[in-house]
């Protein structure tokens, strides 16, 4: 399976996450030999970005037209589902304050979401 993206956590510097074509989001601790957590989404996740101010939170860009915010300590469900695109979301990035993030989609739009807005 192909890896779509990898990102180190800027605060928890030993933690990184990857997204892959097999719909997995995998969290790793570089001090360990095996992944620490894994999520299988319904559709592929294209990108991921860590919140620069809240070390345990990350947002994902998904093929199902949505972005998802997760807490790496509780991966059984997304904290927030951000909806507004009408095509696959391809990229996400947090602002330096961590209060909002942007997303880019195949629908040729860029959206700005509040980090806590659904």
C-alpha atoms as a PDB file:
ATOM      1  CA  UNK A   1       0.000   0.000   0.000  1.00  0.00           C
ATOM      2  CA  UNK A   2       1.124   3.536  -0.748  1.00  0.00           C
ATOM      3  CA  UNK A   3       1.832   6.086   1.978  1.00  0.00           C
ATOM      4  CA  UNK A   4       0.133   9.407   1.186  1.00  0.00           C
ATOM      5  CA  UNK A   5       1.636  11.586   3.911  1.00  0.00           C
ATOM      6  CA  UNK A   6       3.753  11.588   7.059  1.00  0.00           C
ATOM      7  CA  UNK A   7       3.975  14.338   9.672  1.00  0.00           C
ATOM      8  CA  UNK A   8       5.966  14.709  12.863  1.00  0.00           C
ATOM      9  CA  UNK A   9       4.259  16.263  15.859  1.00  0.00           C
ATOM     10  CA  UNK A  10       6.067  19.585  16.484  1.00  0.00           C
ATOM     11  CA  UNK A  11       5.480  19.427  20.256  1.00  0.00           C
ATOM     12  CA  UNK A  12       5.665  15.698  21.028  1.00  0.00           C
ATOM     13  CA  UNK A  13       8.779  15.336  18.888  1.00  0.00           C
ATOM     14  CA  UNK A  14       8.974  11.530  19.069  1.00  0.00           C
ATOM     15  CA  UNK A  15       5.465  11.078  17.661  1.00  0.00           C
ATOM     16  CA  UNK A  16       4.611  10.963  13.970  1.00  0.00           C
ATOM     17  CA  UNK A  17       1.571   9.967  11.948  1.00  0.00           C
ATOM     18  CA  UNK A  18       1.084   8.561   8.475  1.00  0.00           C
ATOM     19  CA  UNK A  19      -1.838   8.206   6.081  1.00  0.00           C
ATOM     20  CA  UNK A  20      -2.012   5.476   3.459  1.00  0.00           C
ATOM     21  CA  UNK A  21      -4.002   4.178   0.509  1.00  0.00           C
ATOM     22  CA  UNK A  22      -5.329   1.292   2.640  1.00  0.00           C
ATOM     23  CA  UNK A  23      -7.441   3.886   4.593  1.00  0.00           C
ATOM     24  CA  UNK A  24      -5.211   3.669   7.676  1.00  0.00           C
ATOM     25  CA  UNK A  25      -3.994   6.486   9.867  1.00  0.00           C
ATOM     26  CA  UNK A  26      -1.097   5.162  11.921  1.00  0.00           C
ATOM     27  CA  UNK A  27       0.618   6.829  14.893  1.00  0.00           C
ATOM     28  CA  UNK A  28       4.223   5.959  15.672  1.00  0.00           C
ATOM     29  CA  UNK A  29       6.620   6.686  18.506  1.00  0.00           C
ATOM     30  CA  UNK A  30      10.123   6.653  17.043  1.00  0.00           C
ATOM     31  CA  UNK A  31      11.460   5.195  20.300  1.00  0.00           C
ATOM     32  CA  UNK A  32       9.390   2.034  19.738  1.00  0.00           C
ATOM     33  CA  UNK A  33       9.611  -0.600  17.026  1.00  0.00           C
ATOM     34  CA  UNK A  34       5.885  -0.957  16.372  1.00  0.00           C
ATOM     35  CA  UNK A  35       3.039   1.516  15.739  1.00  0.00           C
ATOM     36  CA  UNK A  36       1.373   2.839  18.871  1.00  0.00           C
ATOM     37  CA  UNK A  37      -2.149   3.337  17.440  1.00  0.00           C
ATOM     38  CA  UNK A  38      -4.037   2.790  14.214  1.00  0.00           C
ATOM     39  CA  UNK A  39      -7.373   3.969  12.788  1.00  0.00           C
ATOM     40  CA  UNK A  40      -9.086   2.516   9.724  1.00  0.00           C
ATOM     41  CA  UNK A  41     -11.308   5.093   8.036  1.00  0.00           C
ATOM     42  CA  UNK A  42     -14.210   4.346   5.666  1.00  0.00           C
ATOM     43  CA  UNK A  43     -12.385   6.119   2.836  1.00  0.00           C
ATOM     44  CA  UNK A  44      -8.758   7.100   2.247  1.00  0.00           C
ATOM     45  CA  UNK A  45      -7.149   9.969   4.135  1.00  0.00           C
ATOM     46  CA  UNK A  46      -5.032  12.196   1.887  1.00  0.00           C
ATOM     47  CA  UNK A  47      -3.257  14.436   4.392  1.00  0.00           C
ATOM     48  CA  UNK A  48      -2.798  15.117   8.080  1.00  0.00           C
ATOM     49  CA  UNK A  49      -1.628  18.067  10.173  1.00  0.00           C
ATOM     50  CA  UNK A  50      -0.878  18.377  13.907  1.00  0.00           C
ATOM     51  CA  UNK A  51      -2.251  21.302  15.901  1.00  0.00           C
ATOM     52  CA  UNK A  52       0.783  23.428  16.851  1.00  0.00           C
ATOM     53  CA  UNK A  53      -0.714  24.540  20.178  1.00  0.00           C
ATOM     54  CA  UNK A  54      -2.552  21.407  21.347  1.00  0.00           C
ATOM     55  CA  UNK A  55      -0.049  18.595  20.962  1.00  0.00           C
ATOM     56  CA  UNK A  56      -2.536  15.725  21.044  1.00  0.00           C
ATOM     57  CA  UNK A  57      -4.873  17.030  18.311  1.00  0.00           C
ATOM     58  CA  UNK A  58      -4.569  16.512  14.568  1.00  0.00           C
ATOM     59  CA  UNK A  59      -6.834  17.115  11.584  1.00  0.00           C
ATOM     60  CA  UNK A  60      -7.144  14.911   8.496  1.00  0.00           C
ATOM     61  CA  UNK A  61      -8.236  15.512   4.884  1.00  0.00           C
ATOM     62  CA  UNK A  62     -10.435  12.696   3.650  1.00  0.00           C
ATOM     63  CA  UNK A  63     -11.756  11.370   0.339  1.00  0.00           C
ATOM     64  CA  UNK A  64     -15.321  11.511   1.728  1.00  0.00           C
ATOM     65  CA  UNK A  65     -15.326  15.356   1.340  1.00  0.00           C
ATOM     66  CA  UNK A  66     -14.784  15.960   5.082  1.00  0.00           C
ATOM     67  CA  UNK A  67     -12.004  16.883   7.490  1.00  0.00           C
ATOM     68  CA  UNK A  68     -11.778  15.135  10.852  1.00  0.00           C
ATOM     69  CA  UNK A  69     -10.210  16.334  14.089  1.00  0.00           C
ATOM     70  CA  UNK A  70      -8.869  13.575  16.337  1.00  0.00           C
ATOM     71  CA  UNK A  71      -7.325  13.443  19.798  1.00  0.00           C
ATOM     72  CA  UNK A  72      -4.477  10.923  19.630  1.00  0.00           C
ATOM     73  CA  UNK A  73      -5.334   9.746  23.168  1.00  0.00           C
ATOM     74  CA  UNK A  74      -8.908   8.775  22.145  1.00  0.00           C
ATOM     75  CA  UNK A  75      -8.959   7.509  18.569  1.00  0.00           C
ATOM     76  CA  UNK A  76     -12.223   5.571  18.807  1.00  0.00           C
ATOM     77  CA  UNK A  77     -14.089   8.553  17.280  1.00  0.00           C
ATOM     78  CA  UNK A  78     -13.397  11.944  15.747  1.00  0.00           C
ATOM     79  CA  UNK A  79     -13.771  14.944  18.037  1.00  0.00           C
ATOM     80  CA  UNK A  80     -15.196  17.044  15.197  1.00  0.00           C
ATOM     81  CA  UNK A  81     -16.251  16.443  11.604  1.00  0.00           C
ATOM     82  CA  UNK A  82     -15.717  19.513   9.432  1.00  0.00           C
ATOM     83  CA  UNK A  83     -18.107  19.522   6.461  1.00  0.00           C
ATOM     84  CA  UNK A  84     -18.335  21.973   3.566  1.00  0.00           C
ATOM     85  CA  UNK A  85     -16.482  20.525   0.582  1.00  0.00           C
ATOM     86  CA  UNK A  86     -18.269  18.791  -2.303  1.00  0.00           C
ATOM     87  CA  UNK A  87     -15.275  16.735  -3.442  1.00  0.00           C
ATOM     88  CA  UNK A  88     -12.295  14.940  -1.923  1.00  0.00           C
ATOM     89  CA  UNK A  89     -10.215  17.021   0.488  1.00  0.00           C
ATOM     90  CA  UNK A  90      -6.560  16.857  -0.506  1.00  0.00           C
ATOM     91  CA  UNK A  91      -4.675  19.026   1.999  1.00  0.00           C
ATOM     92  CA  UNK A  92      -4.944  20.560   5.459  1.00  0.00           C
ATOM     93  CA  UNK A  93      -2.760  22.905   7.490  1.00  0.00           C
ATOM     94  CA  UNK A  94      -3.172  24.624  10.860  1.00  0.00           C
ATOM     95  CA  UNK A  95      -2.564  28.309  11.386  1.00  0.00           C
ATOM     96  CA  UNK A  96       0.366  29.138  13.702  1.00  0.00           C
ATOM     97  CA  UNK A  97      -2.110  29.909  16.521  1.00  0.00           C
ATOM     98  CA  UNK A  98      -3.853  26.529  16.204  1.00  0.00           C
ATOM     99  CA  UNK A  99      -7.231  28.293  16.309  1.00  0.00           C
ATOM    100  CA  UNK A 100      -8.115  27.555  12.690  1.00  0.00           C
ATOM    101  CA  UNK A 101      -6.999  25.405   9.789  1.00  0.00           C
ATOM    102  CA  UNK A 102      -7.304  25.515   6.028  1.00  0.00           C
ATOM    103  CA  UNK A 103      -8.331  22.748   3.691  1.00  0.00           C
ATOM    104  CA  UNK A 104      -7.985  22.400  -0.074  1.00  0.00           C
ATOM    105  CA  UNK A 105     -10.202  20.191  -2.183  1.00  0.00           C
ATOM    106  CA  UNK A 106     -10.728  18.783  -5.665  1.00  0.00           C
ATOM    107  CA  UNK A 107     -13.790  21.045  -5.750  1.00  0.00           C
ATOM    108  CA  UNK A 108     -11.253  23.859  -6.381  1.00  0.00           C
ATOM    109  CA  UNK A 109     -11.924  25.635  -3.088  1.00  0.00           C
ATOM    110  CA  UNK A 110      -9.917  26.544  -0.033  1.00  0.00           C
ATOM    111  CA  UNK A 111     -11.871  26.608   3.221  1.00  0.00           C
ATOM    112  CA  UNK A 112     -10.917  28.092   6.579  1.00  0.00           C
ATOM    113  CA  UNK A 113     -12.407  26.244   9.562  1.00  0.00           C
ATOM    114  CA  UNK A 114     -12.301  27.174  13.217  1.00  0.00           C
ATOM    115  CA  UNK A 115     -10.460  24.377  14.995  1.00  0.00           C
ATOM    116  CA  UNK A 116     -13.533  23.650  17.138  1.00  0.00           C
ATOM    117  CA  UNK A 117     -16.204  24.298  14.463  1.00  0.00           C
ATOM    118  CA  UNK A 118     -18.022  21.440  12.799  1.00  0.00           C
END
